[in-house]
Amino acid sequence: MTELVAVLAGIGLAAACGFRIFLPLFIASLAIQTGIDGFGGFSLSGLHGNDMVWLGTTPVTIALGVATALEIGAYYIPWLDNALDTIATPAAMIAGTLVSFAFLPGVLDDSFVKWIAAAIVGGGTAGIVQSGSVALRGASSATTGGFGNWIVATVEAVGSVIAATLSVFLPLIAGVLGILLAVFMLRKFLAFRGHMKAPAAN
């Protein structure tokens, strides 16, 4: 049960990385520092026993906090938010892979298999959520000239905080919501891509 909870927590954090790259890692790092226990006997502080020990170190927590503040602020600058989208998707997938890998060592023993699983589950979830986020921002830019993007940015930041916090305290719920969010965002992305191709077909 604890292993399943850990995997679901990783999925929840990966989904949060799809909204904001550094914020979920920052919250996870803070949780490790404070030794917070989650529902079902799961504890992020237990990650000190695996390859991701660096995530709970003070310098990393500070660096992630600064990166989080800069990332959130950047998305409130018109047009810079769209420019960030060009690197946000691969970066989100990397972050999702890293944070998922942190939760898999208790489940899988082979390091190579763990990285593959983390890339598929965590990287895939983060990439799908981020792609949907890009689609929503693209639609906002097209309809408001980019001036309504701050609303999207705020919703994304709040969503990332909620998803990451739930992953720490209620990982079972966070994992299920992360999966549902990925499905929802995938549908939004496909709908946006279809809408963009429609004028070209005409």
Protein backbone atom coordinates (compact mmCIF):
# COMPACT_ATOMS: atom_id res chain seq x y z
CA MET A 1 0.00 0.00 0.00
CA THR A 2 2.80 2.40 0.91
CA GLU A 3 4.53 1.78 -2.43
CA LEU A 4 1.32 2.54 -4.33
CA VAL A 5 0.85 5.73 -2.32
CA ALA A 6 4.42 6.76 -3.14
CA VAL A 7 3.87 6.22 -6.88
CA LEU A 8 0.61 8.21 -6.79
CA ALA A 9 2.39 11.02 -4.94
CA GLY A 10 4.96 11.07 -7.73
CA ILE A 11 2.22 11.28 -10.35
CA GLY A 12 0.58 14.15 -8.46
CA LEU A 13 3.85 16.07 -8.26
CA ALA A 14 4.59 15.35 -11.92
CA ALA A 15 1.21 16.78 -12.88
CA ALA A 16 2.01 19.86 -10.80
CA CYS A 17 5.29 20.20 -12.73
CA GLY A 18 3.20 20.52 -15.86
CA PHE A 19 1.87 23.82 -14.52
CA ARG A 20 5.05 25.12 -12.90
CA ILE A 21 8.42 23.43 -13.22
CA PHE A 22 10.13 24.42 -9.98
CA LEU A 23 7.23 24.93 -7.57
CA PRO A 24 6.42 21.21 -6.99
CA LEU A 25 10.09 20.40 -6.51
CA PHE A 26 10.33 23.29 -4.03
CA ILE A 27 7.32 22.04 -2.05
CA ALA A 28 8.70 18.48 -2.07
CA SER A 29 12.07 19.77 -0.89
CA LEU A 30 10.42 21.70 1.95
CA ALA A 31 8.43 18.61 2.93
CA ILE A 32 11.59 16.53 3.10
CA GLN A 33 13.30 19.19 5.22
CA THR A 34 10.44 19.24 7.72
CA GLY A 35 9.84 15.47 7.69
CA ILE A 36 6.13 15.80 6.89
CA ASP A 37 4.20 12.52 6.81
CA GLY A 38 1.39 11.94 4.37
CA PHE A 39 -1.75 9.84 4.47
CA GLY A 40 -1.21 6.08 4.53
CA GLY A 41 2.10 6.17 6.35
CA PHE A 42 3.94 7.72 3.41
CA SER A 43 6.72 10.17 4.23
CA LEU A 44 8.73 12.33 1.87
CA SER A 45 11.50 12.38 4.46
CA GLY A 46 12.03 8.70 3.61
CA LEU A 47 13.58 9.83 0.32
CA HIS A 48 16.79 10.48 2.23
CA GLY A 49 17.54 6.79 1.78
CA ASN A 50 17.66 6.83 -2.01
CA ASP A 51 19.40 8.49 -4.94
CA MET A 52 17.41 11.72 -4.59
CA VAL A 53 18.91 12.71 -1.24
CA TRP A 54 20.01 16.01 -2.78
CA LEU A 55 16.38 17.13 -3.06
CA GLY A 56 16.16 17.58 0.71
CA THR A 57 19.35 19.59 1.18
CA THR A 58 19.18 23.23 2.29
CA PRO A 59 21.08 24.73 -0.70
CA VAL A 60 18.72 22.93 -3.12
CA THR A 61 15.65 24.11 -1.19
CA ILE A 62 16.87 27.72 -1.36
CA ALA A 63 17.76 27.44 -5.05
CA LEU A 64 14.36 25.95 -5.87
CA GLY A 65 12.63 28.69 -3.89
CA VAL A 66 14.41 31.40 -5.89
CA ALA A 67 13.75 29.60 -9.19
CA THR A 68 10.07 29.24 -8.26
CA ALA A 69 9.71 32.97 -7.57
CA LEU A 70 11.42 33.89 -10.84
CA GLU A 71 9.36 31.41 -12.87
CA ILE A 72 6.05 32.58 -11.41
CA GLY A 73 6.99 36.24 -11.98
CA ALA A 74 8.07 35.62 -15.57
CA TYR A 75 4.64 34.32 -16.53
CA TYR A 76 3.11 37.70 -15.68
CA ILE A 77 5.17 39.48 -18.33
CA PRO A 78 3.18 39.70 -21.61
CA TRP A 79 4.66 37.69 -24.49
CA LEU A 80 7.49 36.39 -22.30
CA ASP A 81 5.06 33.73 -21.08
CA ASN A 82 4.60 32.44 -24.62
CA ALA A 83 8.36 32.52 -25.19
CA LEU A 84 8.86 30.41 -22.06
CA ASP A 85 6.50 27.81 -23.49
CA THR A 86 9.14 26.84 -26.04
CA ILE A 87 11.36 25.45 -23.28
CA ALA A 88 8.71 24.79 -20.63
CA THR A 89 7.43 21.51 -22.09
CA PRO A 90 10.77 19.65 -22.24
CA ALA A 91 11.78 21.20 -18.90
CA ALA A 92 8.51 20.08 -17.32
CA MET A 93 9.05 16.56 -18.62
CA ILE A 94 12.53 16.49 -17.09
CA ALA A 95 11.19 17.79 -13.77
CA GLY A 96 8.34 15.27 -13.84
CA THR A 97 10.80 12.47 -14.53
CA LEU A 98 13.06 13.54 -11.66
CA VAL A 99 10.29 13.86 -9.11
CA SER A 100 8.74 10.54 -10.15
CA PHE A 101 12.10 8.81 -9.94
CA ALA A 102 12.35 10.00 -6.34
CA PHE A 103 9.32 7.87 -5.45
CA LEU A 104 10.14 4.73 -7.42
CA PRO A 105 13.26 3.30 -5.67
CA GLY A 106 11.13 1.48 -3.11
CA VAL A 107 9.19 -0.19 -5.92
CA LEU A 108 11.83 -0.95 -8.54
CA ASP A 109 15.37 -2.19 -7.92
CA ASP A 110 17.02 -1.70 -11.30
CA SER A 111 18.12 1.93 -11.81
CA PHE A 112 17.72 1.83 -15.60
CA VAL A 113 14.18 0.47 -15.30
CA LYS A 114 13.38 3.16 -12.73
CA TRP A 115 14.46 5.93 -15.07
CA ILE A 116 12.42 4.47 -17.94
CA ALA A 117 9.35 4.14 -15.71
CA ALA A 118 9.85 7.66 -14.33
CA ALA A 119 10.18 9.09 -17.84
CA ILE A 120 7.00 7.37 -19.00
CA VAL A 121 4.85 8.02 -15.93
CA GLY A 122 6.25 11.27 -14.55
CA GLY A 123 7.68 12.83 -17.68
CA GLY A 124 4.62 11.84 -19.70
CA THR A 125 2.18 13.24 -17.16
CA ALA A 126 4.07 16.54 -16.83
CA GLY A 127 4.45 16.84 -20.60
CA ILE A 128 0.75 16.28 -21.25
CA VAL A 129 -0.32 18.80 -18.60
CA GLN A 130 2.19 21.34 -19.90
CA SER A 131 1.04 20.84 -23.49
CA GLY A 132 -2.55 21.48 -22.42
CA SER A 133 -1.38 24.57 -20.56
CA VAL A 134 0.37 25.83 -23.70
CA ALA A 135 -2.84 25.28 -25.65
CA LEU A 136 -4.87 27.26 -23.12
CA ARG A 137 -2.36 30.10 -23.19
CA GLY A 138 -2.34 30.05 -26.99
CA ALA A 139 -6.12 30.35 -27.03
CA SER A 140 -5.91 33.20 -24.53
CA SER A 141 -3.29 35.00 -26.64
CA ALA A 142 -5.43 34.62 -29.76
CA THR A 143 -8.56 36.01 -28.12
CA THR A 144 -7.09 38.68 -25.80
CA GLY A 145 -3.85 39.60 -27.52
CA GLY A 146 -1.92 38.15 -24.58
CA PHE A 147 -3.37 40.51 -21.99
CA GLY A 148 -5.61 37.84 -20.52
CA ASN A 149 -2.74 35.44 -20.01
CA TRP A 150 -2.20 36.60 -16.43
CA ILE A 151 -5.46 34.87 -15.55
CA VAL A 152 -4.19 31.61 -17.05
CA ALA A 153 -0.86 32.11 -15.25
CA THR A 154 -2.62 32.59 -11.91
CA VAL A 155 -4.81 29.51 -12.36
CA GLU A 156 -1.74 27.46 -13.30
CA ALA A 157 0.25 28.64 -10.28
CA VAL A 158 -2.64 27.95 -7.90
CA GLY A 159 -3.24 24.57 -9.53
CA SER A 160 0.43 23.65 -9.13
CA VAL A 161 0.38 24.59 -5.43
CA ILE A 162 -2.79 22.57 -4.81
CA ALA A 163 -1.55 19.51 -6.72
CA ALA A 164 1.86 19.55 -5.04
CA THR A 165 0.40 20.10 -1.57
CA LEU A 166 -2.11 17.28 -2.04
CA SER A 167 0.76 15.05 -3.16
CA VAL A 168 2.43 15.60 0.20
CA PHE A 169 -0.59 15.29 2.48
CA LEU A 170 -3.09 13.25 0.43
CA PRO A 171 -1.05 11.43 -2.24
CA LEU A 172 -3.84 8.98 -3.09
CA ILE A 173 -6.17 11.81 -4.05
CA ALA A 174 -3.34 13.72 -5.76
CA GLY A 175 -2.43 10.74 -7.93
CA VAL A 176 -5.99 10.16 -9.10
CA LEU A 177 -6.50 13.88 -9.77
CA GLY A 178 -3.17 13.99 -11.60
CA ILE A 179 -4.30 11.22 -13.96
CA LEU A 180 -7.67 12.91 -14.56
CA LEU A 181 -5.94 16.25 -15.14
CA ALA A 182 -3.59 14.68 -17.70
CA VAL A 183 -6.57 13.21 -19.59
CA PHE A 184 -8.37 16.58 -19.51
CA MET A 185 -5.31 18.50 -20.70
CA LEU A 186 -4.64 15.99 -23.47
CA ARG A 187 -8.15 16.55 -24.79
CA LYS A 188 -7.66 20.34 -24.62
CA PHE A 189 -4.36 20.10 -26.48
CA LEU A 190 -5.81 17.89 -29.21
CA ALA A 191 -8.82 20.20 -29.58
CA PHE A 192 -6.54 23.27 -29.84
CA ARG A 193 -4.30 21.60 -32.40
CA GLY A 194 -7.33 20.58 -34.44
CA HIS A 195 -8.64 24.15 -34.30
CA MET A 196 -5.27 25.51 -35.50
CA LYS A 197 -5.18 23.08 -38.42
CA ALA A 198 -8.74 23.86 -39.51
CA PRO A 199 -7.98 27.30 -41.11
CA ALA A 200 -5.04 25.82 -42.99
CA ALA A 201 -7.29 23.12 -44.42
CA ASN A 202 -9.68 25.78 -45.64
